[in-house]
Amino acid sequence: MSDLLVAVLDDDADLAATVARLLTRNGVAARAFVAPQDILAMLPDRALGCVISDIQMGEMDGFAFADVLRVRDPAVALVFMTAWPTTAHAVDAVRRHGGLDYLEKPIDEPRLIAAVSEGLAWSKRERRIAAATASFTRREREVFNLLVRGHSNKEIAEHLAISARTVEDHRAAIVAKTKTNGLAQLVALSRGEET
């Protein structure tokens, strides 16, 4: 499915191992963890595609862990799981912590597989975008973000308080650095599509 590892985090070692085995049987490279620090210690040496994290754990709950993880690697997809579901947690999982899904225990296998597949695809797309735009200057990133949202050079110049000629120069640098052939490919790149 992907060469990115899926980490299953739960302070219940048996449950974490069970979920990791289930994913492995479905062709996903997965590993069980019982402590958030063990996952964080792997970064940045090992790229993770998705982390399935319990919410209620010992010293660091799943949401606090997600916040730390996002700072260290913003391209990791997050799926939360809990035995004690609440609407507030579900909203927090998605809105505040960027989770792709919020699963109730016992875990529904088809929904888990779907969430992990979506997470791995999202992570790969985010990593492709990050790699292609890594050499951008701060201003090139600003111009790129406005370009792919459909703004004209004139609108970008007004928004950033720079000249239209400067926007054209940044646009040329962006095209050269990404090896694209114009706006359509830049838009595709911003969506993580192959160009």
C-alpha atoms as a PDB file:
ATOM      1  CA  MET A   1       0.000   0.000   0.000  1.00  0.00           C
ATOM      2  CA  SER A   2       2.829   2.419   0.911  1.00  0.00           C
ATOM      3  CA  ASP A   3       6.459   2.431   1.988  1.00  0.00           C
ATOM      4  CA  LEU A   4       5.589   4.798   4.836  1.00  0.00           C
ATOM      5  CA  LEU A   5       5.206   3.236   8.266  1.00  0.00           C
ATOM      6  CA  VAL A   6       1.935   3.371  10.192  1.00  0.00           C
ATOM      7  CA  ALA A   7       2.416   3.732  13.935  1.00  0.00           C
ATOM      8  CA  VAL A   8      -0.301   2.419  16.251  1.00  0.00           C
ATOM      9  CA  LEU A   9      -0.132   4.148  19.632  1.00  0.00           C
ATOM     10  CA  ASP A  10      -2.058   2.883  22.645  1.00  0.00           C
ATOM     11  CA  ASP A  11      -0.999   2.466  26.258  1.00  0.00           C
ATOM     12  CA  ASP A  12      -2.710  -0.949  26.086  1.00  0.00           C
ATOM     13  CA  ALA A  13       0.117  -2.957  24.480  1.00  0.00           C
ATOM     14  CA  ASP A  14      -2.185  -5.832  23.464  1.00  0.00           C
ATOM     15  CA  LEU A  15      -4.596  -3.524  21.653  1.00  0.00           C
ATOM     16  CA  ALA A  16      -1.791  -1.643  19.887  1.00  0.00           C
ATOM     17  CA  ALA A  17      -0.279  -4.955  18.739  1.00  0.00           C
ATOM     18  CA  THR A  18      -3.670  -6.273  17.591  1.00  0.00           C
ATOM     19  CA  VAL A  19      -4.366  -3.191  15.464  1.00  0.00           C
ATOM     20  CA  ALA A  20      -0.833  -3.281  14.011  1.00  0.00           C
ATOM     21  CA  ARG A  21      -1.251  -6.977  13.088  1.00  0.00           C
ATOM     22  CA  LEU A  22      -4.623  -6.270  11.486  1.00  0.00           C
ATOM     23  CA  LEU A  23      -3.037  -3.560   9.323  1.00  0.00           C
ATOM     24  CA  THR A  24      -0.090  -5.801   8.425  1.00  0.00           C
ATOM     25  CA  ARG A  25      -2.516  -8.526   7.275  1.00  0.00           C
ATOM     26  CA  ASN A  26      -4.015  -5.887   4.980  1.00  0.00           C
ATOM     27  CA  GLY A  27      -0.673  -5.014   3.371  1.00  0.00           C
ATOM     28  CA  VAL A  28       0.200  -2.005   5.521  1.00  0.00           C
ATOM     29  CA  ALA A  29       3.617  -1.672   7.191  1.00  0.00           C
ATOM     30  CA  ALA A  30       2.543  -1.089  10.794  1.00  0.00           C
ATOM     31  CA  ARG A  31       4.222  -1.124  14.193  1.00  0.00           C
ATOM     32  CA  ALA A  32       2.746  -0.952  17.705  1.00  0.00           C
ATOM     33  CA  PHE A  33       3.859   1.595  20.303  1.00  0.00           C
ATOM     34  CA  VAL A  34       2.804   2.084  23.923  1.00  0.00           C
ATOM     35  CA  ALA A  35       4.437   5.474  24.591  1.00  0.00           C
ATOM     36  CA  PRO A  36       4.317   8.683  22.532  1.00  0.00           C
ATOM     37  CA  GLN A  37       7.992   9.326  23.312  1.00  0.00           C
ATOM     38  CA  ASP A  38       8.981   6.143  21.456  1.00  0.00           C
ATOM     39  CA  ILE A  39       7.402   7.453  18.253  1.00  0.00           C
ATOM     40  CA  LEU A  40       8.861  10.933  18.690  1.00  0.00           C
ATOM     41  CA  ALA A  41      12.321   9.411  19.225  1.00  0.00           C
ATOM     42  CA  MET A  42      12.128   7.834  15.740  1.00  0.00           C
ATOM     43  CA  LEU A  43      11.719  11.196  14.034  1.00  0.00           C
ATOM     44  CA  PRO A  44      13.187  12.427  11.740  1.00  0.00           C
ATOM     45  CA  ASP A  45      15.122   9.234  10.969  1.00  0.00           C
ATOM     46  CA  ARG A  46      11.985   7.274  10.025  1.00  0.00           C
ATOM     47  CA  ALA A  47       9.180   8.795   7.972  1.00  0.00           C
ATOM     48  CA  LEU A  48       5.720   7.973   9.223  1.00  0.00           C
ATOM     49  CA  GLY A  49       2.734   8.013   6.920  1.00  0.00           C
ATOM     50  CA  CYS A  50       0.033   7.758   9.537  1.00  0.00           C
ATOM     51  CA  VAL A  51      -0.297   7.554  13.297  1.00  0.00           C
ATOM     52  CA  ILE A  52      -3.315   5.910  14.863  1.00  0.00           C
ATOM     53  CA  SER A  53      -3.400   7.273  18.391  1.00  0.00           C
ATOM     54  CA  ASP A  54      -5.493   6.563  21.433  1.00  0.00           C
ATOM     55  CA  ILE A  55      -6.763   9.765  23.022  1.00  0.00           C
ATOM     56  CA  GLN A  56      -6.682   8.859  26.707  1.00  0.00           C
ATOM     57  CA  MET A  57      -3.198   7.779  27.715  1.00  0.00           C
ATOM     58  CA  GLY A  58      -0.917   8.317  30.710  1.00  0.00           C
ATOM     59  CA  GLU A  59       1.395  11.336  30.877  1.00  0.00           C
ATOM     60  CA  MET A  60       0.695  12.682  27.370  1.00  0.00           C
ATOM     61  CA  ASP A  61      -2.792  12.303  25.918  1.00  0.00           C
ATOM     62  CA  GLY A  62      -3.376  11.760  22.208  1.00  0.00           C
ATOM     63  CA  PHE A  63      -4.135  15.419  21.509  1.00  0.00           C
ATOM     64  CA  ALA A  64      -0.982  16.719  23.236  1.00  0.00           C
ATOM     65  CA  PHE A  65       1.000  14.089  21.351  1.00  0.00           C
ATOM     66  CA  ALA A  66      -0.608  15.199  18.056  1.00  0.00           C
ATOM     67  CA  ASP A  67       0.448  18.795  18.688  1.00  0.00           C
ATOM     68  CA  VAL A  68       4.084  17.787  19.258  1.00  0.00           C
ATOM     69  CA  LEU A  69       4.046  15.403  16.283  1.00  0.00           C
ATOM     70  CA  ARG A  70       2.642  18.067  13.922  1.00  0.00           C
ATOM     71  CA  VAL A  71       5.505  20.417  14.797  1.00  0.00           C
ATOM     72  CA  ARG A  72       8.106  17.730  14.101  1.00  0.00           C
ATOM     73  CA  ASP A  73       6.479  16.367  10.940  1.00  0.00           C
ATOM     74  CA  PRO A  74       3.445  18.179   9.526  1.00  0.00           C
ATOM     75  CA  ALA A  75       3.040  15.557   6.774  1.00  0.00           C
ATOM     76  CA  VAL A  76       2.017  12.718   9.111  1.00  0.00           C
ATOM     77  CA  ALA A  77      -1.665  11.812   8.925  1.00  0.00           C
ATOM     78  CA  LEU A  78      -3.478  11.353  12.240  1.00  0.00           C
ATOM     79  CA  VAL A  79      -6.319   9.003  13.097  1.00  0.00           C
ATOM     80  CA  PHE A  80      -7.636   9.053  16.653  1.00  0.00           C
ATOM     81  CA  MET A  81      -9.272   6.183  18.516  1.00  0.00           C
ATOM     82  CA  THR A  82     -10.979   5.982  21.882  1.00  0.00           C
ATOM     83  CA  ALA A  83     -13.053   3.728  24.079  1.00  0.00           C
ATOM     84  CA  TRP A  84     -14.823   6.792  25.523  1.00  0.00           C
ATOM     85  CA  PRO A  85     -16.194   8.754  22.550  1.00  0.00           C
ATOM     86  CA  THR A  86     -17.608  12.225  23.036  1.00  0.00           C
ATOM     87  CA  THR A  87     -18.777  14.808  20.534  1.00  0.00           C
ATOM     88  CA  ALA A  88     -16.301  17.332  21.958  1.00  0.00           C
ATOM     89  CA  HIS A  89     -13.392  14.930  21.393  1.00  0.00           C
ATOM     90  CA  ALA A  90     -14.568  14.164  17.862  1.00  0.00           C
ATOM     91  CA  VAL A  91     -14.698  17.869  17.016  1.00  0.00           C
ATOM     92  CA  ASP A  92     -11.291  18.495  18.609  1.00  0.00           C
ATOM     93  CA  ALA A  93      -9.798  15.513  16.793  1.00  0.00           C
ATOM     94  CA  VAL A  94     -10.695  16.953  13.425  1.00  0.00           C
ATOM     95  CA  ARG A  95     -10.730  20.731  13.838  1.00  0.00           C
ATOM     96  CA  ARG A  96      -7.995  21.447  16.352  1.00  0.00           C
ATOM     97  CA  HIS A  97      -5.644  18.529  15.798  1.00  0.00           C
ATOM     98  CA  GLY A  98      -6.024  17.733  12.095  1.00  0.00           C
ATOM     99  CA  GLY A  99      -7.211  14.168  12.487  1.00  0.00           C
ATOM    100  CA  LEU A 100      -8.612  12.420   9.438  1.00  0.00           C
ATOM    101  CA  ASP A 101     -10.921  10.190  11.437  1.00  0.00           C
ATOM    102  CA  TYR A 102     -12.111   9.443  14.956  1.00  0.00           C
ATOM    103  CA  LEU A 103     -12.640   5.741  15.594  1.00  0.00           C
ATOM    104  CA  GLU A 104     -14.493   4.146  18.468  1.00  0.00           C
ATOM    105  CA  LYS A 105     -13.186   0.999  20.145  1.00  0.00           C
ATOM    106  CA  PRO A 106     -13.694  -1.771  19.372  1.00  0.00           C
ATOM    107  CA  ILE A 107     -12.281  -0.731  16.025  1.00  0.00           C
ATOM    108  CA  ASP A 108     -14.363  -1.298  12.896  1.00  0.00           C
ATOM    109  CA  GLU A 109     -11.859  -2.981  10.525  1.00  0.00           C
ATOM    110  CA  PRO A 110     -13.169  -1.639   7.169  1.00  0.00           C
ATOM    111  CA  ARG A 111     -13.334   1.902   8.552  1.00  0.00           C
ATOM    112  CA  LEU A 112      -9.813   1.583   9.977  1.00  0.00           C
ATOM    113  CA  ILE A 113      -8.424   0.363   6.643  1.00  0.00           C
ATOM    114  CA  ALA A 114     -10.210   3.192   4.796  1.00  0.00           C
ATOM    115  CA  ALA A 115      -8.898   5.812   7.243  1.00  0.00           C
ATOM    116  CA  VAL A 116      -5.325   4.502   7.016  1.00  0.00           C
ATOM    117  CA  SER A 117      -5.483   4.356   3.199  1.00  0.00           C
ATOM    118  CA  GLU A 118      -6.710   7.950   3.115  1.00  0.00           C
ATOM    119  CA  GLY A 119      -4.034   8.946   5.619  1.00  0.00           C
ATOM    120  CA  LEU A 120      -1.202   7.358   3.664  1.00  0.00           C
ATOM    121  CA  ALA A 121      -2.370   9.004   0.425  1.00  0.00           C
ATOM    122  CA  TRP A 122      -2.623  12.380   2.184  1.00  0.00           C
ATOM    123  CA  SER A 123       0.852  11.998   3.701  1.00  0.00           C
ATOM    124  CA  LYS A 124       2.439  11.065   0.381  1.00  0.00           C
ATOM    125  CA  ARG A 125       0.762  14.062  -1.273  1.00  0.00           C
ATOM    126  CA  GLU A 126       1.934  16.442   1.489  1.00  0.00           C
ATOM    127  CA  ARG A 127       5.487  15.086   1.249  1.00  0.00           C
ATOM    128  CA  ARG A 128       5.483  15.528  -2.546  1.00  0.00           C
ATOM    129  CA  ILE A 129       4.379  19.157  -2.172  1.00  0.00           C
ATOM    130  CA  ALA A 130       6.953  19.829   0.557  1.00  0.00           C
ATOM    131  CA  ALA A 131       9.761  18.338  -1.540  1.00  0.00           C
ATOM    132  CA  ALA A 132       8.796  20.345  -4.619  1.00  0.00           C
ATOM    133  CA  THR A 133       8.502  23.634  -2.731  1.00  0.00           C
ATOM    134  CA  ALA A 134      11.358  23.184  -0.244  1.00  0.00           C
ATOM    135  CA  SER A 135      13.684  25.563  -2.084  1.00  0.00           C
ATOM    136  CA  PHE A 136      11.154  28.423  -2.230  1.00  0.00           C
ATOM    137  CA  THR A 137      11.968  31.660  -0.502  1.00  0.00           C
ATOM    138  CA  ARG A 138       9.328  33.022   1.860  1.00  0.00           C
ATOM    139  CA  ARG A 139       8.116  35.438  -0.843  1.00  0.00           C
ATOM    140  CA  GLU A 140       8.041  32.724  -3.514  1.00  0.00           C
ATOM    141  CA  ARG A 141       5.887  30.608  -1.199  1.00  0.00           C
ATOM    142  CA  GLU A 142       3.500  33.547  -0.730  1.00  0.00           C
ATOM    143  CA  VAL A 143       3.302  34.125  -4.501  1.00  0.00           C
ATOM    144  CA  PHE A 144       2.859  30.382  -5.129  1.00  0.00           C
ATOM    145  CA  ASN A 145       0.005  30.106  -2.610  1.00  0.00           C
ATOM    146  CA  LEU A 146      -1.849  33.030  -4.213  1.00  0.00           C
ATOM    147  CA  LEU A 147      -1.165  31.848  -7.772  1.00  0.00           C
ATOM    148  CA  VAL A 148      -2.614  28.401  -7.224  1.00  0.00           C
ATOM    149  CA  ARG A 149      -5.733  29.962  -5.685  1.00  0.00           C
ATOM    150  CA  GLY A 150      -6.390  31.705  -9.000  1.00  0.00           C
ATOM    151  CA  HIS A 151      -5.132  35.221  -8.313  1.00  0.00           C
ATOM    152  CA  SER A 152      -3.714  37.238 -11.206  1.00  0.00           C
ATOM    153  CA  ASN A 153      -0.234  38.773 -11.124  1.00  0.00           C
ATOM    154  CA  LYS A 154      -1.833  42.182 -10.549  1.00  0.00           C
ATOM    155  CA  GLU A 155      -3.935  40.909  -7.624  1.00  0.00           C
ATOM    156  CA  ILE A 156      -0.895  39.214  -6.093  1.00  0.00           C
ATOM    157  CA  ALA A 157       1.144  42.403  -6.457  1.00  0.00           C
ATOM    158  CA  GLU A 158      -1.561  44.422  -4.707  1.00  0.00           C
ATOM    159  CA  HIS A 159      -2.006  41.832  -1.962  1.00  0.00           C
ATOM    160  CA  LEU A 160       1.719  41.586  -1.228  1.00  0.00           C
ATOM    161  CA  ALA A 161       2.440  45.290  -1.866  1.00  0.00           C
ATOM    162  CA  ILE A 162       5.040  44.549  -4.534  1.00  0.00           C
ATOM    163  CA  SER A 163       5.229  45.377  -8.243  1.00  0.00           C
ATOM    164  CA  ALA A 164       3.656  43.186 -10.922  1.00  0.00           C
ATOM    165  CA  ARG A 165       7.157  42.832 -12.430  1.00  0.00           C
ATOM    166  CA  THR A 166       8.427  41.408  -9.115  1.00  0.00           C
ATOM    167  CA  VAL A 167       5.531  38.935  -9.108  1.00  0.00           C
ATOM    168  CA  GLU A 168       6.533  37.864 -12.636  1.00  0.00           C
ATOM    169  CA  ASP A 169      10.127  37.361 -11.463  1.00  0.00           C
ATOM    170  CA  HIS A 170       8.966  35.237  -8.520  1.00  0.00           C
ATOM    171  CA  ARG A 171       6.629  33.296 -10.797  1.00  0.00           C
ATOM    172  CA  ALA A 172       9.505  32.546 -13.190  1.00  0.00           C
ATOM    173  CA  ALA A 173      11.654  31.358 -10.275  1.00  0.00           C
ATOM    174  CA  ILE A 174       8.821  29.149  -9.016  1.00  0.00           C
ATOM    175  CA  VAL A 175       8.358  27.545 -12.444  1.00  0.00           C
ATOM    176  CA  ALA A 176      12.122  26.977 -12.769  1.00  0.00           C
ATOM    177  CA  LYS A 177      12.451  25.460  -9.285  1.00  0.00           C
ATOM    178  CA  THR A 178       9.468  23.136  -9.714  1.00  0.00           C
ATOM    179  CA  LYS A 179      10.276  22.269 -13.358  1.00  0.00           C
ATOM    180  CA  THR A 180       6.652  22.885 -14.312  1.00  0.00           C
ATOM    181  CA  ASN A 181       5.172  24.332 -17.486  1.00  0.00           C
ATOM    182  CA  GLY A 182       2.794  26.972 -16.260  1.00  0.00           C
ATOM    183  CA  LEU A 183      -0.147  27.530 -13.984  1.00  0.00           C
ATOM    184  CA  ALA A 184      -2.045  24.277 -14.596  1.00  0.00           C
ATOM    185  CA  GLN A 185       0.952  22.228 -13.471  1.00  0.00           C
ATOM    186  CA  LEU A 186       1.525  24.520 -10.487  1.00  0.00           C
ATOM    187  CA  VAL A 187      -2.079  23.996  -9.421  1.00  0.00           C
ATOM    188  CA  ALA A 188      -1.648  20.233  -9.832  1.00  0.00           C
ATOM    189  CA  LEU A 189       1.538  20.434  -7.743  1.00  0.00           C
ATOM    190  CA  SER A 190      -0.270  22.352  -4.989  1.00  0.00           C
ATOM    191  CA  ARG A 191      -2.745  19.457  -4.804  1.00  0.00           C
ATOM    192  CA  GLY A 192       0.058  16.912  -4.624  1.00  0.00           C
ATOM    193  CA  GLU A 193      -0.689  15.495  -8.043  1.00  0.00           C
ATOM    194  CA  GLU A 194       2.062  14.207 -10.289  1.00  0.00           C
ATOM    195  CA  THR A 195       3.141  16.837 -12.847  1.00  0.00           C
END
